[in-house]
């Protein structure tokens, strides 16, 4: 009769992963650089609840917030399985943060003529931060007829996000330029 040749699993395999935390860019992102110490014969499994596992690593594209409107992080659990080793586990997080958008209307000037100074078709002085074709349309509501306006930030506008642009993905800062009406030099006075 023959005895067994028993090879027990080694407990020396490890797995590592790195967090991902960047501003929204319209792309899907997951945890980074998942690396088992033994690659040959190893299968990686992923889970978001540490119970249900898949070979497909989860990804996120949009910012998500918790009940207090704080940006949420997603924990991804990783399990490395190899028939010759004890399972190795780790976890890392994915955080998509809000992308900063800066909007600023122009400062416009004219000489007093009795007609209102409004923005009209003048483009924003500053419009930065939108991802790809995402963005907004703008409605300018500021108006000034009489002399003055310096430092009053009256070139006010509202914005409406374009279809497919999600407010949760952006931290939008809007500032307003002035509508400045200068004195006219054409007034005269006469007397006899």
Protein backbone atom coordinates (compact mmCIF):
# COMPACT_ATOMS: atom_id res chain seq x y z
CA UNK A 1 0.00 0.00 0.00
CA UNK A 2 1.01 3.53 -0.58
CA UNK A 3 0.91 6.52 1.67
CA UNK A 4 -0.29 9.95 0.65
CA UNK A 5 1.84 12.79 -0.53
CA UNK A 6 0.13 15.78 1.08
CA UNK A 7 1.04 19.33 0.14
CA UNK A 8 -0.65 21.90 2.38
CA UNK A 9 -1.47 25.39 1.27
CA UNK A 10 1.08 28.07 1.93
CA UNK A 11 -0.08 31.06 3.91
CA UNK A 12 2.45 33.46 2.46
CA UNK A 13 0.50 34.97 -0.46
CA UNK A 14 -0.57 38.58 -0.09
CA UNK A 15 -2.53 41.05 -2.21
CA UNK A 16 -2.30 44.83 -2.29
CA UNK A 17 -4.42 47.62 -3.78
CA UNK A 18 -4.34 51.41 -3.84
CA UNK A 19 -7.09 53.96 -3.28
CA UNK A 20 -8.42 56.15 -6.10
CA UNK A 21 -9.43 59.71 -5.29
CA UNK A 22 -9.70 62.28 -8.05
CA UNK A 23 -12.12 64.91 -9.34
CA UNK A 24 -14.90 63.91 -11.71
CA UNK A 25 -13.66 63.54 -15.29
CA UNK A 26 -16.51 61.68 -17.00
CA UNK A 27 -14.63 58.37 -16.98
CA UNK A 28 -15.20 55.22 -14.91
CA UNK A 29 -12.69 54.54 -12.13
CA UNK A 30 -11.95 51.74 -9.68
CA UNK A 31 -9.28 50.90 -7.14
CA UNK A 32 -5.72 51.00 -8.47
CA UNK A 33 -2.76 48.64 -8.88
CA UNK A 34 -4.32 45.45 -7.51
CA UNK A 35 -1.34 43.12 -7.19
CA UNK A 36 -1.12 39.61 -5.71
CA UNK A 37 2.30 38.51 -4.51
CA UNK A 38 1.81 35.30 -6.52
CA UNK A 39 0.36 35.94 -9.98
CA UNK A 40 0.59 32.48 -11.56
CA UNK A 41 -2.60 30.54 -10.94
CA UNK A 42 -4.18 33.37 -8.93
CA UNK A 43 -7.70 34.69 -9.57
CA UNK A 44 -8.78 38.05 -8.19
CA UNK A 45 -12.31 38.57 -6.88
CA UNK A 46 -13.99 41.85 -5.96
CA UNK A 47 -16.85 42.78 -3.69
CA UNK A 48 -18.56 45.93 -2.42
CA UNK A 49 -20.17 44.20 0.58
CA UNK A 50 -17.53 41.57 1.46
CA UNK A 51 -20.10 38.86 0.76
CA UNK A 52 -20.91 38.73 -2.95
CA UNK A 53 -17.83 38.31 -5.15
CA UNK A 54 -17.11 38.81 -8.85
CA UNK A 55 -14.07 38.73 -11.11
CA UNK A 56 -15.19 42.09 -12.49
CA UNK A 57 -13.80 45.04 -10.57
CA UNK A 58 -16.49 47.63 -9.75
CA UNK A 59 -16.12 51.17 -11.07
CA UNK A 60 -17.81 54.51 -10.53
CA UNK A 61 -18.13 57.55 -12.79
CA UNK A 62 -20.24 60.12 -10.97
CA UNK A 63 -19.87 61.80 -7.62
CA UNK A 64 -22.08 60.31 -4.94
CA UNK A 65 -22.99 62.05 -1.70
CA UNK A 66 -24.20 60.75 1.64
CA UNK A 67 -27.25 61.91 3.59
CA UNK A 68 -25.33 64.98 4.79
CA UNK A 69 -24.29 65.91 1.24
CA UNK A 70 -20.66 64.97 1.88
CA UNK A 71 -18.82 63.21 -0.94
CA UNK A 72 -19.03 59.45 -0.40
CA UNK A 73 -16.23 56.90 -0.72
CA UNK A 74 -16.80 53.34 -1.94
CA UNK A 75 -14.94 50.46 -0.31
CA UNK A 76 -13.88 47.65 -2.61
CA UNK A 77 -12.84 44.34 -1.06
CA UNK A 78 -10.32 42.18 -2.90
CA UNK A 79 -9.71 38.45 -2.50
CA UNK A 80 -6.84 36.63 -4.20
CA UNK A 81 -7.51 32.91 -4.63
CA UNK A 82 -4.89 30.33 -5.56
CA UNK A 83 -5.23 26.57 -4.98
CA UNK A 84 -1.71 26.42 -3.55
CA UNK A 85 -2.12 29.27 -1.05
CA UNK A 86 -4.47 30.48 1.60
CA UNK A 87 -6.78 33.20 0.30
CA UNK A 88 -5.36 36.70 0.66
CA UNK A 89 -7.56 39.76 1.17
CA UNK A 90 -7.33 43.52 1.22
CA UNK A 91 -9.50 46.54 0.54
CA UNK A 92 -9.21 50.02 -0.96
CA UNK A 93 -11.54 52.92 -1.65
CA UNK A 94 -12.80 54.83 -4.67
CA UNK A 95 -13.72 58.48 -4.22
CA UNK A 96 -14.93 60.69 -7.07
CA UNK A 97 -14.77 64.31 -5.93
CA UNK A 98 -16.55 67.32 -7.35
CA UNK A 99 -14.92 69.13 -10.27
CA UNK A 100 -14.49 72.86 -9.74
CA UNK A 101 -16.22 75.08 -12.28
CA UNK A 102 -15.54 78.81 -12.36
CA UNK A 103 -18.00 81.18 -14.05
CA UNK A 104 -17.53 84.94 -14.27
CA UNK A 105 -19.40 87.48 -16.35
CA UNK A 106 -17.58 90.36 -18.01
CA UNK A 107 -17.43 93.95 -16.81
CA UNK A 108 -19.05 96.17 -19.43
CA UNK A 109 -18.94 99.94 -19.77
CA UNK A 110 -20.73 102.59 -21.80
CA UNK A 111 -21.35 106.29 -21.80
CA UNK A 112 -24.73 107.39 -20.52
CA UNK A 113 -27.29 107.70 -23.31
CA UNK A 114 -30.55 106.98 -21.51
CA UNK A 115 -30.61 103.35 -22.69
CA UNK A 116 -29.95 100.38 -20.40
CA UNK A 117 -26.56 98.67 -20.40
CA UNK A 118 -27.06 94.92 -20.49
CA UNK A 119 -24.81 91.94 -21.18
CA UNK A 120 -26.52 90.99 -24.44
CA UNK A 121 -24.50 88.42 -26.39
CA UNK A 122 -21.20 89.07 -24.58
CA UNK A 123 -19.61 85.75 -23.61
CA UNK A 124 -18.62 84.95 -20.04
CA UNK A 125 -15.21 86.35 -19.14
CA UNK A 126 -14.35 83.05 -17.45
CA UNK A 127 -15.91 79.63 -18.00
CA UNK A 128 -13.62 76.80 -16.91
CA UNK A 129 -13.95 73.30 -15.49
CA UNK A 130 -16.68 71.60 -17.51
CA UNK A 131 -15.84 68.07 -18.65
CA UNK A 132 -16.08 67.41 -22.38
CA UNK A 133 -19.34 68.66 -23.92
CA UNK A 134 -20.95 69.14 -20.51
CA UNK A 135 -21.82 72.64 -19.42
CA UNK A 136 -24.64 75.11 -19.07
CA UNK A 137 -26.65 77.78 -20.85
CA UNK A 138 -26.77 81.26 -19.38
CA UNK A 139 -29.45 83.90 -18.93
CA UNK A 140 -28.18 87.41 -18.18
CA UNK A 141 -30.57 89.53 -16.12
CA UNK A 142 -28.46 92.52 -15.01
CA UNK A 143 -29.26 96.00 -16.26
CA UNK A 144 -28.10 99.58 -15.54
CA UNK A 145 -29.29 102.81 -17.12
CA UNK A 146 -27.97 105.59 -14.88
CA UNK A 147 -24.36 106.61 -14.24
CA UNK A 148 -22.48 104.39 -11.77
CA UNK A 149 -22.10 100.64 -11.23
CA UNK A 150 -18.42 100.31 -10.35
CA UNK A 151 -17.95 97.51 -7.82
CA UNK A 152 -21.66 96.60 -7.73
CA UNK A 153 -21.38 93.27 -9.64
CA UNK A 154 -24.62 93.93 -11.53
CA UNK A 155 -23.89 91.77 -14.60
CA UNK A 156 -25.89 88.99 -12.98
CA UNK A 157 -26.74 85.70 -14.69
CA UNK A 158 -28.45 82.41 -13.97
CA UNK A 159 -27.51 79.10 -15.53
CA UNK A 160 -29.26 75.92 -16.55
CA UNK A 161 -27.22 72.72 -16.88
CA UNK A 162 -27.16 71.07 -20.28
CA UNK A 163 -28.74 67.65 -20.72
CA UNK A 164 -26.38 64.99 -19.36
CA UNK A 165 -24.64 67.43 -17.01
CA UNK A 166 -25.20 66.43 -13.38
CA UNK A 167 -25.01 69.09 -10.69
CA UNK A 168 -23.65 66.57 -8.17
CA UNK A 169 -20.44 66.25 -10.22
CA UNK A 170 -19.51 69.93 -9.96
CA UNK A 171 -18.71 72.61 -7.40
CA UNK A 172 -19.83 75.70 -9.28
CA UNK A 173 -18.60 79.18 -8.37
CA UNK A 174 -20.30 82.14 -10.08
CA UNK A 175 -19.16 85.75 -9.83
CA UNK A 176 -20.49 88.80 -11.62
CA UNK A 177 -18.83 91.64 -13.44
CA UNK A 178 -19.90 95.27 -13.24
CA UNK A 179 -22.20 97.21 -15.53
CA UNK A 180 -20.60 100.64 -15.55
CA UNK A 181 -22.29 103.68 -17.05
CA UNK A 182 -20.02 106.70 -17.36
CA UNK A 183 -21.10 110.30 -17.49
CA UNK A 184 -21.80 111.78 -20.88
CA UNK A 185 -19.91 114.90 -21.79
CA UNK A 186 -22.62 116.26 -24.07
CA UNK A 187 -24.74 118.27 -21.64
CA UNK A 188 -24.62 121.99 -22.18
CA UNK A 189 -26.22 124.93 -20.52
CA UNK A 190 -26.95 128.33 -21.97
CA UNK A 191 -28.29 131.57 -20.66
CA UNK A 192 -28.96 135.05 -22.04
